C-alpha atoms as a PDB file:
ATOM      1  CA  MET A   1       0.000   0.000   0.000  1.00  0.00           C
ATOM      2  CA  THR A   2       1.372   3.404  -0.964  1.00  0.00           C
ATOM      3  CA  ASN A   3       1.504   6.311   1.457  1.00  0.00           C
ATOM      4  CA  THR A   4      -1.263   8.032  -0.503  1.00  0.00           C
ATOM      5  CA  GLU A   5      -3.529   4.993  -0.293  1.00  0.00           C
ATOM      6  CA  HIS A   6      -2.838   4.698   3.413  1.00  0.00           C
ATOM      7  CA  THR A   7      -3.704   8.378   3.909  1.00  0.00           C
ATOM      8  CA  TYR A   8      -6.995   8.027   2.050  1.00  0.00           C
ATOM      9  CA  LYS A   9      -7.911   4.922   4.030  1.00  0.00           C
ATOM     10  CA  GLN A  10      -7.098   6.629   7.324  1.00  0.00           C
ATOM     11  CA  PHE A  11      -9.160   9.646   6.292  1.00  0.00           C
ATOM     12  CA  ASP A  12     -12.157   7.413   5.539  1.00  0.00           C
ATOM     13  CA  ILE A  13     -11.785   5.822   8.967  1.00  0.00           C
ATOM     14  CA  GLU A  14     -11.739   9.248  10.610  1.00  0.00           C
ATOM     15  CA  LEU A  15     -14.857  10.370   8.743  1.00  0.00           C
ATOM     16  CA  GLU A  16     -16.700   7.193   9.688  1.00  0.00           C
ATOM     17  CA  SER A  17     -15.653   7.678  13.317  1.00  0.00           C
ATOM     18  CA  LEU A  18     -16.998  11.221  13.139  1.00  0.00           C
ATOM     19  CA  ARG A  19     -20.378  10.019  11.860  1.00  0.00           C
ATOM     20  CA  SER A  20     -20.539   7.373  14.561  1.00  0.00           C
ATOM     21  CA  HIS A  21     -19.828   9.922  17.289  1.00  0.00           C
ATOM     22  CA  VAL A  22     -22.643  12.153  16.027  1.00  0.00           C
ATOM     23  CA  LEU A  23     -25.095   9.255  16.080  1.00  0.00           C
ATOM     24  CA  ARG A  24     -24.020   8.292  19.608  1.00  0.00           C
ATOM     25  CA  MET A  25     -24.588  11.863  20.719  1.00  0.00           C
ATOM     26  CA  GLY A  26     -27.987  11.770  19.033  1.00  0.00           C
ATOM     27  CA  GLY A  27     -28.841   8.540  20.837  1.00  0.00           C
ATOM     28  CA  LEU A  28     -27.976  10.071  24.200  1.00  0.00           C
ATOM     29  CA  ILE A  29     -30.153  13.092  23.465  1.00  0.00           C
ATOM     30  CA  GLU A  30     -33.061  10.907  22.339  1.00  0.00           C
ATOM     31  CA  GLN A  31     -32.925   9.187  25.714  1.00  0.00           C
ATOM     32  CA  GLN A  32     -32.772  12.549  27.488  1.00  0.00           C
ATOM     33  CA  ILE A  33     -35.992  13.611  25.774  1.00  0.00           C
ATOM     34  CA  ILE A  34     -37.708  10.314  26.547  1.00  0.00           C
ATOM     35  CA  ASN A  35     -36.696  10.524  30.205  1.00  0.00           C
ATOM     36  CA  ALA A  36     -37.661  14.190  30.482  1.00  0.00           C
ATOM     37  CA  ILE A  37     -41.163  13.512  29.180  1.00  0.00           C
ATOM     38  CA  GLU A  38     -41.519  10.436  31.395  1.00  0.00           C
ATOM     39  CA  GLY A  39     -40.350  12.436  34.388  1.00  0.00           C
ATOM     40  CA  LEU A  40     -42.918  15.117  33.583  1.00  0.00           C
ATOM     41  CA  THR A  41     -45.859  12.779  33.054  1.00  0.00           C
ATOM     42  CA  THR A  42     -45.113  10.628  36.102  1.00  0.00           C
ATOM     43  CA  LEU A  43     -43.608  13.402  38.257  1.00  0.00           C
ATOM     44  CA  ASN A  44     -40.817  10.988  39.106  1.00  0.00           C
ATOM     45  CA  ARG A  45     -38.161  13.082  40.825  1.00  0.00           C
ATOM     46  CA  GLU A  46     -35.415  10.501  40.333  1.00  0.00           C
ATOM     47  CA  ILE A  47     -35.853  10.471  36.556  1.00  0.00           C
ATOM     48  CA  ILE A  48     -36.142  14.262  36.465  1.00  0.00           C
ATOM     49  CA  ASP A  49     -32.923  14.753  38.422  1.00  0.00           C
ATOM     50  CA  GLN A  50     -31.080  12.255  36.222  1.00  0.00           C
ATOM     51  CA  VAL A  51     -31.949  14.220  33.091  1.00  0.00           C
ATOM     52  CA  ILE A  52     -30.597  17.397  34.656  1.00  0.00           C
ATOM     53  CA  VAL A  53     -27.396  15.675  35.795  1.00  0.00           C
ATOM     54  CA  ASN A  54     -26.804  14.009  32.409  1.00  0.00           C
ATOM     55  CA  ASP A  55     -26.864  17.295  30.502  1.00  0.00           C
ATOM     56  CA  HIS A  56     -23.123  17.652  31.100  1.00  0.00           C
ATOM     57  CA  LEU A  57     -22.587  14.430  29.121  1.00  0.00           C
ATOM     58  CA  VAL A  58     -24.262  16.042  26.105  1.00  0.00           C
ATOM     59  CA  ASN A  59     -22.072  19.134  26.440  1.00  0.00           C
ATOM     60  CA  GLY A  60     -18.965  16.996  26.727  1.00  0.00           C
ATOM     61  CA  MET A  61     -19.796  15.080  23.560  1.00  0.00           C
ATOM     62  CA  GLU A  62     -20.289  18.315  21.634  1.00  0.00           C
ATOM     63  CA  VAL A  63     -16.836  19.538  22.663  1.00  0.00           C
ATOM     64  CA  GLU A  64     -15.245  16.179  21.805  1.00  0.00           C
ATOM     65  CA  ILE A  65     -16.800  16.010  18.333  1.00  0.00           C
ATOM     66  CA  ASP A  66     -15.995  19.651  17.629  1.00  0.00           C
ATOM     67  CA  GLU A  67     -12.336  18.983  18.447  1.00  0.00           C
ATOM     68  CA  GLN A  68     -12.425  15.975  16.141  1.00  0.00           C
ATOM     69  CA  CYS A  69     -13.756  18.176  13.321  1.00  0.00           C
ATOM     70  CA  ASN A  70     -11.045  20.768  13.933  1.00  0.00           C
ATOM     71  CA  HIS A  71      -8.419  18.036  13.775  1.00  0.00           C
ATOM     72  CA  ILE A  72      -9.735  16.722  10.457  1.00  0.00           C
ATOM     73  CA  ILE A  73      -9.893  20.191   8.909  1.00  0.00           C
ATOM     74  CA  ALA A  74      -6.375  21.087  10.041  1.00  0.00           C
ATOM     75  CA  LEU A  75      -4.749  17.771   9.159  1.00  0.00           C
ATOM     76  CA  ARG A  76      -6.713  16.557   6.124  1.00  0.00           C
ATOM     77  CA  GLN A  77      -7.901  19.832   4.550  1.00  0.00           C
ATOM     78  CA  PRO A  78     -11.028  18.146   3.149  1.00  0.00           C
ATOM     79  CA  ALA A  79     -12.657  19.387  -0.042  1.00  0.00           C
ATOM     80  CA  ALA A  80     -15.980  19.028  -1.877  1.00  0.00           C
ATOM     81  CA  SER A  81     -18.326  16.436  -0.347  1.00  0.00           C
ATOM     82  CA  ASP A  82     -15.930  15.594   2.504  1.00  0.00           C
ATOM     83  CA  LEU A  83     -15.788  19.248   3.526  1.00  0.00           C
ATOM     84  CA  ARG A  84     -19.587  19.479   3.376  1.00  0.00           C
ATOM     85  CA  MET A  85     -19.814  16.453   5.633  1.00  0.00           C
ATOM     86  CA  VAL A  86     -17.504  17.976   8.239  1.00  0.00           C
ATOM     87  CA  MET A  87     -19.369  21.294   8.058  1.00  0.00           C
ATOM     88  CA  THR A  88     -22.661  19.435   8.471  1.00  0.00           C
ATOM     89  CA  VAL A  89     -21.329  17.690  11.573  1.00  0.00           C
ATOM     90  CA  VAL A  90     -20.213  20.994  13.126  1.00  0.00           C
ATOM     91  CA  LYS A  91     -23.677  22.485  12.610  1.00  0.00           C
ATOM     92  CA  THR A  92     -25.507  19.310  13.603  1.00  0.00           C
ATOM     93  CA  ILE A  93     -23.800  18.922  16.976  1.00  0.00           C
ATOM     94  CA  THR A  94     -24.671  22.527  17.801  1.00  0.00           C
ATOM     95  CA  ASP A  95     -28.348  21.781  17.218  1.00  0.00           C
ATOM     96  CA  LEU A  96     -28.076  18.493  19.100  1.00  0.00           C
ATOM     97  CA  GLU A  97     -26.567  20.266  22.095  1.00  0.00           C
ATOM     98  CA  ARG A  98     -29.413  22.773  22.036  1.00  0.00           C
ATOM     99  CA  ILE A  99     -31.921  19.925  21.902  1.00  0.00           C
ATOM    100  CA  GLY A 100     -30.188  18.558  24.986  1.00  0.00           C
ATOM    101  CA  ASP A 101     -30.680  21.941  26.652  1.00  0.00           C
ATOM    102  CA  GLU A 102     -34.399  21.802  25.839  1.00  0.00           C
ATOM    103  CA  ALA A 103     -34.650  18.323  27.375  1.00  0.00           C
ATOM    104  CA  GLU A 104     -33.015  19.677  30.526  1.00  0.00           C
ATOM    105  CA  LYS A 105     -35.468  22.586  30.498  1.00  0.00           C
ATOM    106  CA  ILE A 106     -38.388  20.140  30.394  1.00  0.00           C
ATOM    107  CA  ALA A 107     -36.891  18.325  33.381  1.00  0.00           C
ATOM    108  CA  ARG A 108     -36.463  21.576  35.309  1.00  0.00           C
ATOM    109  CA  MET A 109     -40.082  22.552  34.620  1.00  0.00           C
ATOM    110  CA  ALA A 110     -41.176  19.087  35.754  1.00  0.00           C
ATOM    111  CA  LYS A 111     -39.234  19.623  38.973  1.00  0.00           C
ATOM    112  CA  LEU A 112     -41.047  22.893  39.583  1.00  0.00           C
ATOM    113  CA  ILE A 113     -44.398  21.201  38.957  1.00  0.00           C
ATOM    114  CA  CYS A 114     -43.473  18.545  41.522  1.00  0.00           C
ATOM    115  CA  GLU A 115     -42.846  21.311  44.034  1.00  0.00           C
ATOM    116  CA  ASP A 116     -46.228  22.994  43.361  1.00  0.00           C
ATOM    117  CA  ASP A 117     -48.028  20.843  45.911  1.00  0.00           C
ATOM    118  CA  GLY A 118     -51.785  21.243  46.064  1.00  0.00           C
ATOM    119  CA  LEU A 119     -52.140  22.576  42.533  1.00  0.00           C
ATOM    120  CA  LYS A 120     -53.997  20.565  39.989  1.00  0.00           C
ATOM    121  CA  ALA A 121     -51.808  20.292  36.893  1.00  0.00           C
ATOM    122  CA  PRO A 122     -53.426  20.252  33.448  1.00  0.00           C
ATOM    123  CA  LYS A 123     -53.537  16.907  31.702  1.00  0.00           C
ATOM    124  CA  PHE A 124     -50.296  15.938  29.969  1.00  0.00           C
ATOM    125  CA  SER A 125     -51.833  14.081  27.019  1.00  0.00           C
ATOM    126  CA  ALA A 126     -51.314  16.950  24.557  1.00  0.00           C
ATOM    127  CA  ILE A 127     -47.736  17.403  25.744  1.00  0.00           C
ATOM    128  CA  THR A 128     -47.079  13.687  25.310  1.00  0.00           C
ATOM    129  CA  ASN A 129     -48.429  13.768  21.766  1.00  0.00           C
ATOM    130  CA  VAL A 130     -46.304  16.705  20.641  1.00  0.00           C
ATOM    131  CA  GLY A 131     -43.336  15.120  22.385  1.00  0.00           C
ATOM    132  CA  GLU A 132     -43.781  11.979  20.322  1.00  0.00           C
ATOM    133  CA  ILE A 133     -43.824  14.021  17.101  1.00  0.00           C
ATOM    134  CA  ALA A 134     -40.707  15.985  18.076  1.00  0.00           C
ATOM    135  CA  LEU A 135     -38.910  12.783  19.049  1.00  0.00           C
ATOM    136  CA  GLU A 136     -39.878  11.160  15.746  1.00  0.00           C
ATOM    137  CA  MET A 137     -38.505  14.189  13.909  1.00  0.00           C
ATOM    138  CA  LEU A 138     -35.174  13.873  15.704  1.00  0.00           C
ATOM    139  CA  ARG A 139     -34.974  10.146  14.974  1.00  0.00           C
ATOM    140  CA  LYS A 140     -35.734  10.699  11.303  1.00  0.00           C
ATOM    141  CA  ALA A 141     -33.203  13.531  11.094  1.00  0.00           C
ATOM    142  CA  LEU A 142     -30.485  11.318  12.562  1.00  0.00           C
ATOM    143  CA  ASP A 143     -31.507   8.454  10.290  1.00  0.00           C
ATOM    144  CA  SER A 144     -31.314  10.706   7.244  1.00  0.00           C
ATOM    145  CA  PHE A 145     -27.862  11.817   8.391  1.00  0.00           C
ATOM    146  CA  ALA A 146     -26.706   8.223   8.839  1.00  0.00           C
ATOM    147  CA  ARG A 147     -28.027   7.042   5.455  1.00  0.00           C
ATOM    148  CA  LEU A 148     -27.594  10.308   3.487  1.00  0.00           C
ATOM    149  CA  ASP A 149     -31.332  10.082   2.800  1.00  0.00           C
ATOM    150  CA  VAL A 150     -32.766  13.379   1.553  1.00  0.00           C
ATOM    151  CA  THR A 151     -36.265  11.921   1.214  1.00  0.00           C
ATOM    152  CA  THR A 152     -36.470  11.306   4.953  1.00  0.00           C
ATOM    153  CA  ALA A 153     -34.895  14.706   5.593  1.00  0.00           C
ATOM    154  CA  VAL A 154     -37.690  16.394   3.646  1.00  0.00           C
ATOM    155  CA  GLN A 155     -40.276  14.511   5.738  1.00  0.00           C
ATOM    156  CA  VAL A 156     -38.747  16.061   8.851  1.00  0.00           C
ATOM    157  CA  VAL A 157     -38.987  19.554   7.388  1.00  0.00           C
ATOM    158  CA  ARG A 158     -42.669  19.025   6.648  1.00  0.00           C
ATOM    159  CA  GLN A 159     -43.369  17.587  10.127  1.00  0.00           C
ATOM    160  CA  ASP A 160     -42.162  20.834  11.691  1.00  0.00           C
ATOM    161  CA  ILE A 161     -45.449  22.410  10.604  1.00  0.00           C
ATOM    162  CA  GLU A 162     -47.312  19.758  12.607  1.00  0.00           C
ATOM    163  CA  VAL A 163     -45.307  20.518  15.743  1.00  0.00           C
ATOM    164  CA  ASP A 164     -45.919  24.258  15.391  1.00  0.00           C
ATOM    165  CA  GLU A 165     -49.665  23.685  15.065  1.00  0.00           C
ATOM    166  CA  ALA A 166     -49.657  21.367  18.098  1.00  0.00           C
ATOM    167  CA  PHE A 167     -47.830  24.001  20.166  1.00  0.00           C
ATOM    168  CA  HIS A 168     -50.419  26.665  19.353  1.00  0.00           C
ATOM    169  CA  ALA A 169     -53.219  24.230  20.231  1.00  0.00           C
ATOM    170  CA  ILE A 170     -51.612  23.596  23.633  1.00  0.00           C
ATOM    171  CA  LEU A 171     -51.233  27.339  24.159  1.00  0.00           C
ATOM    172  CA  ARG A 172     -54.963  27.844  23.564  1.00  0.00           C
ATOM    173  CA  GLN A 173     -55.816  24.967  25.925  1.00  0.00           C
ATOM    174  CA  LEU A 174     -53.627  26.364  28.684  1.00  0.00           C
ATOM    175  CA  ILE A 175     -55.138  29.839  28.371  1.00  0.00           C
ATOM    176  CA  THR A 176     -58.590  28.300  28.774  1.00  0.00           C
ATOM    177  CA  PHE A 177     -57.427  26.236  31.742  1.00  0.00           C
ATOM    178  CA  MET A 178     -55.939  29.273  33.508  1.00  0.00           C
ATOM    179  CA  MET A 179     -59.103  31.316  32.955  1.00  0.00           C
ATOM    180  CA  GLU A 180     -61.241  28.545  34.426  1.00  0.00           C
ATOM    181  CA  ASP A 181     -59.014  27.983  37.469  1.00  0.00           C
ATOM    182  CA  PRO A 182     -56.582  30.853  38.256  1.00  0.00           C
ATOM    183  CA  ARG A 183     -54.978  28.786  41.018  1.00  0.00           C
ATOM    184  CA  THR A 184     -53.192  26.772  38.341  1.00  0.00           C
ATOM    185  CA  ILE A 185     -51.648  29.718  36.500  1.00  0.00           C
ATOM    186  CA  SER A 186     -48.151  28.982  37.791  1.00  0.00           C
ATOM    187  CA  THR A 187     -48.265  25.317  36.800  1.00  0.00           C
ATOM    188  CA  SER A 188     -49.837  26.112  33.446  1.00  0.00           C
ATOM    189  CA  ILE A 189     -47.033  28.545  32.647  1.00  0.00           C
ATOM    190  CA  GLU A 190     -44.479  25.858  33.484  1.00  0.00           C
ATOM    191  CA  ILE A 191     -46.262  23.458  31.129  1.00  0.00           C
ATOM    192  CA  LEU A 192     -46.247  26.180  28.478  1.00  0.00           C
ATOM    193  CA  PHE A 193     -42.452  26.320  28.800  1.00  0.00           C
ATOM    194  CA  VAL A 194     -42.406  22.551  28.276  1.00  0.00           C
ATOM    195  CA  ALA A 195     -44.526  22.871  25.134  1.00  0.00           C
ATOM    196  CA  LYS A 196     -42.222  25.599  23.823  1.00  0.00           C
ATOM    197  CA  ALA A 197     -39.181  23.401  24.527  1.00  0.00           C
ATOM    198  CA  LEU A 198     -40.729  20.598  22.461  1.00  0.00           C
ATOM    199  CA  GLU A 199     -41.510  23.039  19.663  1.00  0.00           C
ATOM    200  CA  ARG A 200     -37.855  24.142  19.718  1.00  0.00           C
ATOM    201  CA  ILE A 201     -36.727  20.504  19.580  1.00  0.00           C
ATOM    202  CA  GLY A 202     -38.737  20.203  16.385  1.00  0.00           C
ATOM    203  CA  ASP A 203     -37.045  23.326  15.014  1.00  0.00           C
ATOM    204  CA  HIS A 204     -33.585  21.934  15.724  1.00  0.00           C
ATOM    205  CA  ALA A 205     -34.476  18.562  14.184  1.00  0.00           C
ATOM    206  CA  LYS A 206     -35.648  20.448  11.094  1.00  0.00           C
ATOM    207  CA  ASN A 207     -32.307  22.276  10.987  1.00  0.00           C
ATOM    208  CA  ILE A 208     -30.434  18.959  11.060  1.00  0.00           C
ATOM    209  CA  ALA A 209     -32.580  17.644   8.210  1.00  0.00           C
ATOM    210  CA  GLU A 210     -31.786  20.748   6.166  1.00  0.00           C
ATOM    211  CA  TYR A 211     -28.067  20.214   6.804  1.00  0.00           C
ATOM    212  CA  VAL A 212     -28.431  16.705   5.387  1.00  0.00           C
ATOM    213  CA  VAL A 213     -29.860  18.124   2.164  1.00  0.00           C
ATOM    214  CA  PHE A 214     -26.866  20.478   2.017  1.00  0.00           C
ATOM    215  CA  MET A 215     -24.442  17.626   2.674  1.00  0.00           C
ATOM    216  CA  VAL A 216     -25.903  15.408  -0.053  1.00  0.00           C
ATOM    217  CA  LYS A 217     -26.990  17.969  -2.646  1.00  0.00           C
ATOM    218  CA  GLY A 218     -24.651  20.869  -1.923  1.00  0.00           C
ATOM    219  CA  LYS A 219     -27.662  23.203  -1.711  1.00  0.00           C
ATOM    220  CA  ASP A 220     -28.520  25.474   1.209  1.00  0.00           C
ATOM    221  CA  VAL A 221     -32.253  25.046   1.856  1.00  0.00           C
ATOM    222  CA  ARG A 222     -32.513  27.110   5.018  1.00  0.00           C
ATOM    223  CA  HIS A 223     -35.068  29.930   5.109  1.00  0.00           C
ATOM    224  CA  VAL A 224     -37.086  28.616   2.161  1.00  0.00           C
ATOM    225  CA  THR A 225     -40.550  27.063   1.928  1.00  0.00           C
ATOM    226  CA  VAL A 226     -41.200  23.361   2.412  1.00  0.00           C
ATOM    227  CA  GLU A 227     -42.079  23.121  -1.262  1.00  0.00           C
ATOM    228  CA  ASP A 228     -38.720  24.652  -2.201  1.00  0.00           C
ATOM    229  CA  VAL A 229     -36.913  22.145   0.034  1.00  0.00           C
ATOM    230  CA  GLU A 230     -38.760  19.276  -1.646  1.00  0.00           C
ATOM    231  CA  ARG A 231     -37.937  20.647  -5.094  1.00  0.00           C
ATOM    232  CA  GLU A 232     -34.232  21.087  -4.301  1.00  0.00           C
ATOM    233  CA  ALA A 233     -33.998  17.640  -2.706  1.00  0.00           C
ATOM    234  CA  MET A 234     -35.552  15.908  -5.702  1.00  0.00           C
ATOM    235  CA  GLU A 235     -33.320  17.550  -8.318  1.00  0.00           C
END
C-alpha cells in the first residue's frame, strides 16, 4: 500500500468515526428527551434529576466532536463532499446540544411542577403527543444523516409544521385552563415552557434535516418554503 492509499484509508476511517460519534450523541439526546417527558408525566423526581445531571454528558460530547472536526480540517484539509460532511457535523452537533438543553429545560419545569403541591396540573396528554412528534422528527433527522437520505430529511422539514400547530393548540388549551381555574396559573405557565421546549426541539431537528440536504446535494435550503426544500432535494 502506498503512502497516498494509506492516507486516504485513514481519512475514511476518521470520517466514519466522526459520523458514529454524532449518532451516539444523538442517541444520548433521544434518551434525554424520553426521560424528560416520562419524568414530567409521572412526576418521578429521580428520573427528572437524572436528566438534569446528564446534561453535562451532552455538552462533553459536543466539545469532543468539535475537536475531532477541527483536527480533520487542520490535518486533512477536506474538499468538496468531505468538507460538506464535516461542516454538516459541526452544525448538527450545535443543534443536538441545544436539543439537549431543551430536554433539561423540560426536566427543570417538571421539577417545579413537583414542588407545586396542592395545585392541579393540566392533563399531559397533549404534551405527550407533541413530544412523540418531536422525538420522531429527531430520529428521522439522525436516520437521514446516517443514510444520506434526503427523502427522509424532507419529511422532517414538513413535520415541523405539525409541531408548530400542536404548540399553538396547547397554548390555547392552557389559556382556557388558567381562565377557568386561576390557582393553576403557575403550573400552566411551566407546562407552556415545556410545550415551547418541544416546539424548539422540532425546530432543531428540522435544521439537522436541512443540513443533510446540504451535505448530499450541496444546496442550502434554510429559510425557504417546504415546497422549495422538496424541489431542491428531488433535483
